[in-house]
C-alpha atoms as a PDB file:
ATOM      1  CA  UNK A   1      15.208  26.879 -29.499  1.00  0.00           C
ATOM      2  CA  UNK A   2      11.597  26.138 -30.100  1.00  0.00           C
ATOM      3  CA  UNK A   3       8.544  27.024 -27.315  1.00  0.00           C
ATOM      4  CA  UNK A   4       5.569  24.437 -27.916  1.00  0.00           C
ATOM      5  CA  UNK A   5       2.103  24.458 -26.259  1.00  0.00           C
ATOM      6  CA  UNK A   6       0.384  21.453 -26.206  1.00  0.00           C
ATOM      7  CA  UNK A   7      -2.715  19.969 -24.524  1.00  0.00           C
ATOM      8  CA  UNK A   8      -2.965  16.442 -24.372  1.00  0.00           C
ATOM      9  CA  UNK A   9      -4.723  13.416 -22.728  1.00  0.00           C
ATOM     10  CA  UNK A  10      -3.282  12.122 -19.444  1.00  0.00           C
ATOM     11  CA  UNK A  11      -1.917   8.283 -19.395  1.00  0.00           C
ATOM     12  CA  UNK A  12      -3.232   5.450 -17.530  1.00  0.00           C
ATOM     13  CA  UNK A  13      -2.062   5.129 -14.200  1.00  0.00           C
ATOM     14  CA  UNK A  14      -0.560   8.386 -13.381  1.00  0.00           C
ATOM     15  CA  UNK A  15      -0.396   8.711  -9.288  1.00  0.00           C
ATOM     16  CA  UNK A  16       0.065   7.515  -5.942  1.00  0.00           C
ATOM     17  CA  UNK A  17      -1.782   5.583  -3.842  1.00  0.00           C
ATOM     18  CA  UNK A  18      -4.172   8.434  -2.705  1.00  0.00           C
ATOM     19  CA  UNK A  19      -3.405  10.755  -5.417  1.00  0.00           C
ATOM     20  CA  UNK A  20      -3.927  10.730  -8.969  1.00  0.00           C
ATOM     21  CA  UNK A  21      -4.472  12.141 -12.438  1.00  0.00           C
ATOM     22  CA  UNK A  22      -7.257  11.090 -13.621  1.00  0.00           C
ATOM     23  CA  UNK A  23      -7.192   9.152 -17.075  1.00  0.00           C
ATOM     24  CA  UNK A  24      -7.734  11.112 -20.197  1.00  0.00           C
ATOM     25  CA  UNK A  25      -7.814  13.867 -18.396  1.00  0.00           C
ATOM     26  CA  UNK A  26      -5.957  17.350 -19.761  1.00  0.00           C
ATOM     27  CA  UNK A  27      -2.445  18.095 -19.307  1.00  0.00           C
ATOM     28  CA  UNK A  28      -1.141  21.407 -20.409  1.00  0.00           C
ATOM     29  CA  UNK A  29       2.540  21.769 -21.655  1.00  0.00           C
ATOM     30  CA  UNK A  30       4.360  24.607 -21.960  1.00  0.00           C
ATOM     31  CA  UNK A  31       7.751  23.309 -22.967  1.00  0.00           C
ATOM     32  CA  UNK A  32      11.256  24.569 -24.770  1.00  0.00           C
ATOM     33  CA  UNK A  33      12.788  22.398 -26.847  1.00  0.00           C
ATOM     34  CA  UNK A  34      16.948  23.482 -27.093  1.00  0.00           C
ATOM     35  CA  UNK A  35      19.198  22.038 -29.122  1.00  0.00           C
ATOM     36  CA  UNK A  36      22.311  21.268 -27.369  1.00  0.00           C
ATOM     37  CA  UNK A  37      25.769  19.303 -28.342  1.00  0.00           C
ATOM     38  CA  UNK A  38      24.316  15.815 -26.724  1.00  0.00           C
ATOM     39  CA  UNK A  39      21.138  15.771 -27.888  1.00  0.00           C
ATOM     40  CA  UNK A  40      17.666  17.744 -27.508  1.00  0.00           C
ATOM     41  CA  UNK A  41      17.252  19.436 -23.929  1.00  0.00           C
ATOM     42  CA  UNK A  42      13.094  19.528 -22.837  1.00  0.00           C
ATOM     43  CA  UNK A  43      12.309  22.236 -20.151  1.00  0.00           C
ATOM     44  CA  UNK A  44       9.078  23.738 -19.250  1.00  0.00           C
ATOM     45  CA  UNK A  45       5.682  23.621 -17.065  1.00  0.00           C
ATOM     46  CA  UNK A  46       3.115  20.877 -17.146  1.00  0.00           C
ATOM     47  CA  UNK A  47      -0.544  21.645 -15.495  1.00  0.00           C
ATOM     48  CA  UNK A  48      -2.358  18.399 -14.089  1.00  0.00           C
ATOM     49  CA  UNK A  49      -5.567  18.210 -12.556  1.00  0.00           C
ATOM     50  CA  UNK A  50      -4.595  15.959  -9.568  1.00  0.00           C
ATOM     51  CA  UNK A  51      -8.047  14.300  -7.692  1.00  0.00           C
ATOM     52  CA  UNK A  52      -6.768  12.960  -4.224  1.00  0.00           C
ATOM     53  CA  UNK A  53      -8.221  11.501  -0.821  1.00  0.00           C
ATOM     54  CA  UNK A  54      -7.076  12.981   2.399  1.00  0.00           C
ATOM     55  CA  UNK A  55      -5.121  11.023   4.170  1.00  0.00           C
ATOM     56  CA  UNK A  56      -6.594  11.411   7.568  1.00  0.00           C
ATOM     57  CA  UNK A  57     -10.535  10.978   6.549  1.00  0.00           C
ATOM     58  CA  UNK A  58     -10.562   9.883   3.334  1.00  0.00           C
ATOM     59  CA  UNK A  59     -12.587  12.982   1.814  1.00  0.00           C
ATOM     60  CA  UNK A  60     -12.136  13.747  -1.633  1.00  0.00           C
ATOM     61  CA  UNK A  61      -9.887  16.546  -3.049  1.00  0.00           C
ATOM     62  CA  UNK A  62      -8.928  17.744  -5.974  1.00  0.00           C
ATOM     63  CA  UNK A  63      -6.324  20.710  -6.958  1.00  0.00           C
ATOM     64  CA  UNK A  64      -4.288  21.848  -9.836  1.00  0.00           C
ATOM     65  CA  UNK A  65      -0.745  20.933  -9.707  1.00  0.00           C
ATOM     66  CA  UNK A  66       2.115  22.831 -11.958  1.00  0.00           C
ATOM     67  CA  UNK A  67       4.889  20.847 -12.234  1.00  0.00           C
ATOM     68  CA  UNK A  68       8.532  21.403 -13.882  1.00  0.00           C
ATOM     69  CA  UNK A  69       9.940  18.978 -16.119  1.00  0.00           C
ATOM     70  CA  UNK A  70      13.448  18.934 -17.730  1.00  0.00           C
ATOM     71  CA  UNK A  71      15.205  16.174 -19.419  1.00  0.00           C
ATOM     72  CA  UNK A  72      17.958  15.505 -21.615  1.00  0.00           C
ATOM     73  CA  UNK A  73      17.407  13.211 -24.754  1.00  0.00           C
ATOM     74  CA  UNK A  74      20.269  12.398 -26.490  1.00  0.00           C
ATOM     75  CA  UNK A  75      21.055  12.206 -30.064  1.00  0.00           C
ATOM     76  CA  UNK A  76      21.476   8.518 -31.075  1.00  0.00           C
ATOM     77  CA  UNK A  77      24.753   7.025 -31.377  1.00  0.00           C
ATOM     78  CA  UNK A  78      26.456   7.219 -34.895  1.00  0.00           C
ATOM     79  CA  UNK A  79      29.890   5.738 -36.568  1.00  0.00           C
ATOM     80  CA  UNK A  80      31.804   8.101 -38.758  1.00  0.00           C
ATOM     81  CA  UNK A  81      29.562   7.506 -42.255  1.00  0.00           C
ATOM     82  CA  UNK A  82      26.423   8.753 -39.667  1.00  0.00           C
ATOM     83  CA  UNK A  83      24.767   5.518 -39.750  1.00  0.00           C
ATOM     84  CA  UNK A  84      23.236   4.639 -36.521  1.00  0.00           C
ATOM     85  CA  UNK A  85      24.946   2.316 -34.264  1.00  0.00           C
ATOM     86  CA  UNK A  86      23.992   0.091 -31.190  1.00  0.00           C
ATOM     87  CA  UNK A  87      26.251   0.830 -28.381  1.00  0.00           C
ATOM     88  CA  UNK A  88      26.460  -1.599 -25.235  1.00  0.00           C
ATOM     89  CA  UNK A  89      24.247  -0.814 -22.280  1.00  0.00           C
ATOM     90  CA  UNK A  90      26.898  -0.422 -19.655  1.00  0.00           C
ATOM     91  CA  UNK A  91      25.545   2.938 -18.242  1.00  0.00           C
ATOM     92  CA  UNK A  92      23.274   2.262 -15.052  1.00  0.00           C
ATOM     93  CA  UNK A  93      20.879   5.042 -15.890  1.00  0.00           C
ATOM     94  CA  UNK A  94      21.022   5.659 -19.704  1.00  0.00           C
ATOM     95  CA  UNK A  95      19.245   8.985 -20.893  1.00  0.00           C
ATOM     96  CA  UNK A  96      16.641   8.511 -23.160  1.00  0.00           C
ATOM     97  CA  UNK A  97      17.272   8.641 -27.012  1.00  0.00           C
ATOM     98  CA  UNK A  98      15.478  10.496 -29.896  1.00  0.00           C
ATOM     99  CA  UNK A  99      13.704   8.404 -31.978  1.00  0.00           C
ATOM    100  CA  UNK A 100      14.277  10.007 -35.441  1.00  0.00           C
ATOM    101  CA  UNK A 101      12.321  13.290 -35.051  1.00  0.00           C
ATOM    102  CA  UNK A 102      10.023  12.014 -32.019  1.00  0.00           C
ATOM    103  CA  UNK A 103      10.510  12.284 -28.320  1.00  0.00           C
ATOM    104  CA  UNK A 104       9.038  10.461 -26.100  1.00  0.00           C
ATOM    105  CA  UNK A 105       7.527  12.343 -23.312  1.00  0.00           C
ATOM    106  CA  UNK A 106       5.540   9.814 -21.049  1.00  0.00           C
ATOM    107  CA  UNK A 107       8.050   8.702 -19.180  1.00  0.00           C
ATOM    108  CA  UNK A 108       9.778  11.770 -18.286  1.00  0.00           C
ATOM    109  CA  UNK A 109       6.124  13.194 -17.611  1.00  0.00           C
ATOM    110  CA  UNK A 110       5.463  10.321 -15.416  1.00  0.00           C
ATOM    111  CA  UNK A 111       8.558  10.553 -13.395  1.00  0.00           C
ATOM    112  CA  UNK A 112       8.207  13.945 -12.873  1.00  0.00           C
ATOM    113  CA  UNK A 113       4.748  14.366 -11.615  1.00  0.00           C
ATOM    114  CA  UNK A 114       4.577  11.085  -9.850  1.00  0.00           C
ATOM    115  CA  UNK A 115       7.499  12.653  -7.599  1.00  0.00           C
ATOM    116  CA  UNK A 116       5.741  15.810  -7.337  1.00  0.00           C
ATOM    117  CA  UNK A 117       1.956  14.449  -5.589  1.00  0.00           C
ATOM    118  CA  UNK A 118       2.060  14.021  -1.768  1.00  0.00           C
ATOM    119  CA  UNK A 119       2.101  10.811  -0.730  1.00  0.00           C
ATOM    120  CA  UNK A 120      -0.012  11.732   2.277  1.00  0.00           C
ATOM    121  CA  UNK A 121      -2.407  14.554   0.630  1.00  0.00           C
ATOM    122  CA  UNK A 122      -4.523  16.423   3.204  1.00  0.00           C
ATOM    123  CA  UNK A 123      -7.695  18.072   2.939  1.00  0.00           C
ATOM    124  CA  UNK A 124      -6.770  20.753   5.714  1.00  0.00           C
ATOM    125  CA  UNK A 125      -2.998  20.911   7.418  1.00  0.00           C
ATOM    126  CA  UNK A 126      -5.459  20.410  11.087  1.00  0.00           C
ATOM    127  CA  UNK A 127      -7.766  17.684   9.499  1.00  0.00           C
ATOM    128  CA  UNK A 128      -8.553  15.307  12.796  1.00  0.00           C
ATOM    129  CA  UNK A 129      -8.877  12.333  10.729  1.00  0.00           C
ATOM    130  CA  UNK A 130     -11.296   9.308  11.709  1.00  0.00           C
ATOM    131  CA  UNK A 131     -11.952   8.420  15.013  1.00  0.00           C
ATOM    132  CA  UNK A 132     -10.168   4.463  15.370  1.00  0.00           C
ATOM    133  CA  UNK A 133     -12.967   3.050  17.172  1.00  0.00           C
ATOM    134  CA  UNK A 134     -16.216   3.939  14.930  1.00  0.00           C
ATOM    135  CA  UNK A 135     -15.139   5.519  11.927  1.00  0.00           C
ATOM    136  CA  UNK A 136     -16.585   8.598  12.247  1.00  0.00           C
ATOM    137  CA  UNK A 137     -14.980  11.922  10.760  1.00  0.00           C
ATOM    138  CA  UNK A 138     -13.625  13.691  14.030  1.00  0.00           C
ATOM    139  CA  UNK A 139     -14.116  17.343  12.188  1.00  0.00           C
ATOM    140  CA  UNK A 140     -17.798  16.893  11.732  1.00  0.00           C
ATOM    141  CA  UNK A 141     -18.288  16.091  15.827  1.00  0.00           C
ATOM    142  CA  UNK A 142     -15.398  17.884  17.407  1.00  0.00           C
ATOM    143  CA  UNK A 143     -16.564  16.412  20.825  1.00  0.00           C
ATOM    144  CA  UNK A 144     -16.961  12.879  20.106  1.00  0.00           C
ATOM    145  CA  UNK A 145     -15.288  10.447  22.224  1.00  0.00           C
ATOM    146  CA  UNK A 146     -15.741   6.666  23.335  1.00  0.00           C
ATOM    147  CA  UNK A 147     -15.622   5.828  27.310  1.00  0.00           C
ATOM    148  CA  UNK A 148     -13.590   2.819  27.313  1.00  0.00           C
ATOM    149  CA  UNK A 149     -12.125   0.883  30.048  1.00  0.00           C
ATOM    150  CA  UNK A 150      -9.172  -0.876  30.382  1.00  0.00           C
ATOM    151  CA  UNK A 151      -9.779  -4.648  30.799  1.00  0.00           C
ATOM    152  CA  UNK A 152      -7.260  -4.877  33.633  1.00  0.00           C
ATOM    153  CA  UNK A 153      -8.968  -2.058  35.874  1.00  0.00           C
ATOM    154  CA  UNK A 154     -12.337  -3.299  34.793  1.00  0.00           C
ATOM    155  CA  UNK A 155     -12.593  -4.979  38.410  1.00  0.00           C
ATOM    156  CA  UNK A 156     -12.000  -1.831  39.807  1.00  0.00           C
ATOM    157  CA  UNK A 157     -14.491   0.044  38.500  1.00  0.00           C
ATOM    158  CA  UNK A 158     -17.123  -2.304  40.368  1.00  0.00           C
ATOM    159  CA  UNK A 159     -15.581  -1.093  43.834  1.00  0.00           C
ATOM    160  CA  UNK A 160     -16.346   2.714  42.911  1.00  0.00           C
ATOM    161  CA  UNK A 161     -20.123   1.962  41.828  1.00  0.00           C
ATOM    162  CA  UNK A 162     -20.529   1.066  45.760  1.00  0.00           C
ATOM    163  CA  UNK A 163     -22.318   3.342  47.952  1.00  0.00           C
ATOM    164  CA  UNK A 164     -19.582   5.234  50.021  1.00  0.00           C
ATOM    165  CA  UNK A 165     -21.433   4.908  53.279  1.00  0.00           C
ATOM    166  CA  UNK A 166     -21.871   1.070  53.180  1.00  0.00           C
ATOM    167  CA  UNK A 167     -17.902   0.974  52.868  1.00  0.00           C
ATOM    168  CA  UNK A 168     -17.248   3.167  55.942  1.00  0.00           C
ATOM    169  CA  UNK A 169     -20.195   1.333  58.145  1.00  0.00           C
ATOM    170  CA  UNK A 170     -18.402  -1.819  57.230  1.00  0.00           C
ATOM    171  CA  UNK A 171     -15.010  -0.685  57.985  1.00  0.00           C
ATOM    172  CA  UNK A 172     -16.175  -0.034  61.675  1.00  0.00           C
ATOM    173  CA  UNK A 173     -16.179  -2.610  64.162  1.00  0.00           C
ATOM    174  CA  UNK A 174     -19.603  -3.536  65.514  1.00  0.00           C
ATOM    175  CA  UNK A 175     -20.520  -2.495  68.863  1.00  0.00           C
ATOM    176  CA  UNK A 176     -21.908  -5.967  70.154  1.00  0.00           C
ATOM    177  CA  UNK A 177     -18.217  -7.843  69.031  1.00  0.00           C
ATOM    178  CA  UNK A 178     -16.788  -5.717  72.045  1.00  0.00           C
END
């Protein structure tokens, strides 16, 4: 077993729609490499700096995310003499294979980090979001509201604006008509 600590630059396009790791930002890895019968088991923790936008109010937010990584890298298939042979790819999800003495961690890192990121990050759990009418941030203006009248009831709104005394006088019959 070998323990390795490395800091590498983040590959480009590491993230989801609203949360991502900035390209070339530092990724700190604390990994353990273990030789097992099938290959090399790589496990450990990866720390990344995430920058995102709140899914409700679109405010920028940032945090550090610790992600667990675990992947088995298989030894290449060999014949009886130890020569590497190509096997037909009939497996749906083949294991990654060692390339000589090298392990390509980028696909494993991408799979682990992207699945750990939230699809809809929030700046706060109780974030009110944006006003659907004008787009103002509701947390900054808690009493914000719009007076909207349903167009189907707009004609009735005109009746409420008349003088109530006038409506009762019109409802009573005129004394001259008796």
